[in-house]
Amino acid sequence: MDESLQTPNRRLVFIVSPARMDLYEKLRAALIREPDVDLILDRRQADSAIERERRGGQRRERKAIDAEVRECGWAVLRLPGAPRR
């Protein structure tokens, strides 16, 4: 197959706030047959001080995504996909 015709190999992960169940249901219906897309309902709760200390730097890495989910009700991550065979 001509490599220029292949779509980029990436995976999309949509994270939706539980406050936006309407959006979650619409995305689920629209994306159900997309093989490179995951849809996640964010059910995390506020972190305790012990959990924040235990994770250290991981919390800082998630900060932008957490803010986007809080402010917009959703966020999307682009992750490298599995190699195609």
C-alpha atoms as a PDB file:
ATOM      1  CA  MET A   1       0.000   0.000   0.000  1.00  0.00           C
ATOM      2  CA  ASP A   2       1.203   3.513  -0.796  1.00  0.00           C
ATOM      3  CA  GLU A   3       2.441   4.982   2.511  1.00  0.00           C
ATOM      4  CA  SER A   4       1.304   8.487   1.515  1.00  0.00           C
ATOM      5  CA  LEU A   5      -2.309   7.244   1.505  1.00  0.00           C
ATOM      6  CA  GLN A   6      -2.205   5.816   5.034  1.00  0.00           C
ATOM      7  CA  THR A   7      -3.762   7.812   7.832  1.00  0.00           C
ATOM      8  CA  PRO A   8      -1.459   8.858  10.668  1.00  0.00           C
ATOM      9  CA  ASN A   9      -1.025   6.175  13.281  1.00  0.00           C
ATOM     10  CA  ARG A  10      -2.331   7.774  16.467  1.00  0.00           C
ATOM     11  CA  ARG A  11      -4.866   7.066  19.132  1.00  0.00           C
ATOM     12  CA  LEU A  12      -7.346   9.637  20.443  1.00  0.00           C
ATOM     13  CA  VAL A  13      -8.630   9.485  24.003  1.00  0.00           C
ATOM     14  CA  PHE A  14     -11.631  11.642  24.886  1.00  0.00           C
ATOM     15  CA  ILE A  15     -12.110  12.332  28.600  1.00  0.00           C
ATOM     16  CA  VAL A  16     -15.545  13.675  29.509  1.00  0.00           C
ATOM     17  CA  SER A  17     -16.714  15.131  32.815  1.00  0.00           C
ATOM     18  CA  PRO A  18     -19.650  13.370  34.503  1.00  0.00           C
ATOM     19  CA  ALA A  19     -21.361  16.775  34.448  1.00  0.00           C
ATOM     20  CA  ARG A  20     -21.501  16.455  30.631  1.00  0.00           C
ATOM     21  CA  MET A  21     -23.321  13.154  30.225  1.00  0.00           C
ATOM     22  CA  ASP A  22     -25.113  14.633  27.208  1.00  0.00           C
ATOM     23  CA  LEU A  23     -21.777  15.077  25.448  1.00  0.00           C
ATOM     24  CA  TYR A  24     -20.558  11.650  26.574  1.00  0.00           C
ATOM     25  CA  GLU A  25     -23.619   9.959  25.044  1.00  0.00           C
ATOM     26  CA  LYS A  26     -23.284  11.893  21.762  1.00  0.00           C
ATOM     27  CA  LEU A  27     -19.577  11.073  21.468  1.00  0.00           C
ATOM     28  CA  ARG A  28     -20.238   7.439  22.289  1.00  0.00           C
ATOM     29  CA  ALA A  29     -22.811   7.199  19.501  1.00  0.00           C
ATOM     30  CA  ALA A  30     -20.591   9.024  17.007  1.00  0.00           C
ATOM     31  CA  LEU A  31     -17.324   7.235  17.818  1.00  0.00           C
ATOM     32  CA  ILE A  32     -18.471   3.711  18.617  1.00  0.00           C
ATOM     33  CA  ARG A  33     -17.021   2.227  15.413  1.00  0.00           C
ATOM     34  CA  GLU A  34     -13.760   4.179  15.419  1.00  0.00           C
ATOM     35  CA  PRO A  35     -10.929   1.720  16.132  1.00  0.00           C
ATOM     36  CA  ASP A  36      -8.369   4.333  17.212  1.00  0.00           C
ATOM     37  CA  VAL A  37     -10.599   6.264  19.631  1.00  0.00           C
ATOM     38  CA  ASP A  38     -11.299   5.665  23.318  1.00  0.00           C
ATOM     39  CA  LEU A  39     -13.964   7.461  25.324  1.00  0.00           C
ATOM     40  CA  ILE A  40     -13.574   7.763  29.090  1.00  0.00           C
ATOM     41  CA  LEU A  41     -15.985   9.153  31.655  1.00  0.00           C
ATOM     42  CA  ASP A  42     -13.812  10.964  34.213  1.00  0.00           C
ATOM     43  CA  ARG A  43     -14.834   9.605  37.595  1.00  0.00           C
ATOM     44  CA  ARG A  44     -11.796  10.747  39.534  1.00  0.00           C
ATOM     45  CA  GLN A  45     -12.385  12.555  42.781  1.00  0.00           C
ATOM     46  CA  ALA A  46     -10.289  15.193  44.476  1.00  0.00           C
ATOM     47  CA  ASP A  47      -6.870  13.878  45.504  1.00  0.00           C
ATOM     48  CA  SER A  48      -5.870  13.576  49.119  1.00  0.00           C
ATOM     49  CA  ALA A  49      -2.582  15.135  50.232  1.00  0.00           C
ATOM     50  CA  ILE A  50      -1.082  11.653  50.636  1.00  0.00           C
ATOM     51  CA  GLU A  51      -1.989  10.652  47.074  1.00  0.00           C
ATOM     52  CA  ARG A  52      -0.548  13.910  45.670  1.00  0.00           C
ATOM     53  CA  GLU A  53       2.712  13.345  47.535  1.00  0.00           C
ATOM     54  CA  ARG A  54       2.941   9.727  46.420  1.00  0.00           C
ATOM     55  CA  ARG A  55       2.524  10.620  42.740  1.00  0.00           C
ATOM     56  CA  GLY A  56       4.873  13.606  42.777  1.00  0.00           C
ATOM     57  CA  GLY A  57       5.564  14.718  39.202  1.00  0.00           C
ATOM     58  CA  GLN A  58       2.713  12.763  37.645  1.00  0.00           C
ATOM     59  CA  ARG A  59       0.246  15.275  39.067  1.00  0.00           C
ATOM     60  CA  ARG A  60       1.973  18.164  37.314  1.00  0.00           C
ATOM     61  CA  GLU A  61       1.867  16.308  34.012  1.00  0.00           C
ATOM     62  CA  ARG A  62      -1.915  15.911  34.262  1.00  0.00           C
ATOM     63  CA  LYS A  63      -2.564  19.500  35.331  1.00  0.00           C
ATOM     64  CA  ALA A  64      -3.405  20.873  31.871  1.00  0.00           C
ATOM     65  CA  ILE A  65      -5.769  17.998  31.062  1.00  0.00           C
ATOM     66  CA  ASP A  66      -7.473  18.268  34.459  1.00  0.00           C
ATOM     67  CA  ALA A  67      -8.004  22.008  33.924  1.00  0.00           C
ATOM     68  CA  GLU A  68      -9.472  21.432  30.471  1.00  0.00           C
ATOM     69  CA  VAL A  69     -11.917  18.799  31.750  1.00  0.00           C
ATOM     70  CA  ARG A  70     -12.961  21.132  34.595  1.00  0.00           C
ATOM     71  CA  GLU A  71     -13.359  24.219  32.400  1.00  0.00           C
ATOM     72  CA  CYS A  72     -14.748  22.717  29.192  1.00  0.00           C
ATOM     73  CA  GLY A  73     -16.299  19.485  30.404  1.00  0.00           C
ATOM     74  CA  TRP A  74     -14.025  17.413  28.173  1.00  0.00           C
ATOM     75  CA  ALA A  75     -10.497  17.014  26.827  1.00  0.00           C
ATOM     76  CA  VAL A  76      -8.850  14.998  24.094  1.00  0.00           C
ATOM     77  CA  LEU A  77      -5.413  13.386  24.194  1.00  0.00           C
ATOM     78  CA  ARG A  78      -3.440  12.353  21.142  1.00  0.00           C
ATOM     79  CA  LEU A  79      -1.338   9.308  21.894  1.00  0.00           C
ATOM     80  CA  PRO A  80       0.967   7.342  19.638  1.00  0.00           C
ATOM     81  CA  GLY A  81      -0.847   4.282  18.334  1.00  0.00           C
ATOM     82  CA  ALA A  82       0.280   0.712  18.166  1.00  0.00           C
ATOM     83  CA  PRO A  83       2.528  -0.086  15.199  1.00  0.00           C
ATOM     84  CA  ARG A  84       0.639  -1.298  12.158  1.00  0.00           C
ATOM     85  CA  ARG A  85       1.511  -4.674  10.689  1.00  0.00           C
END
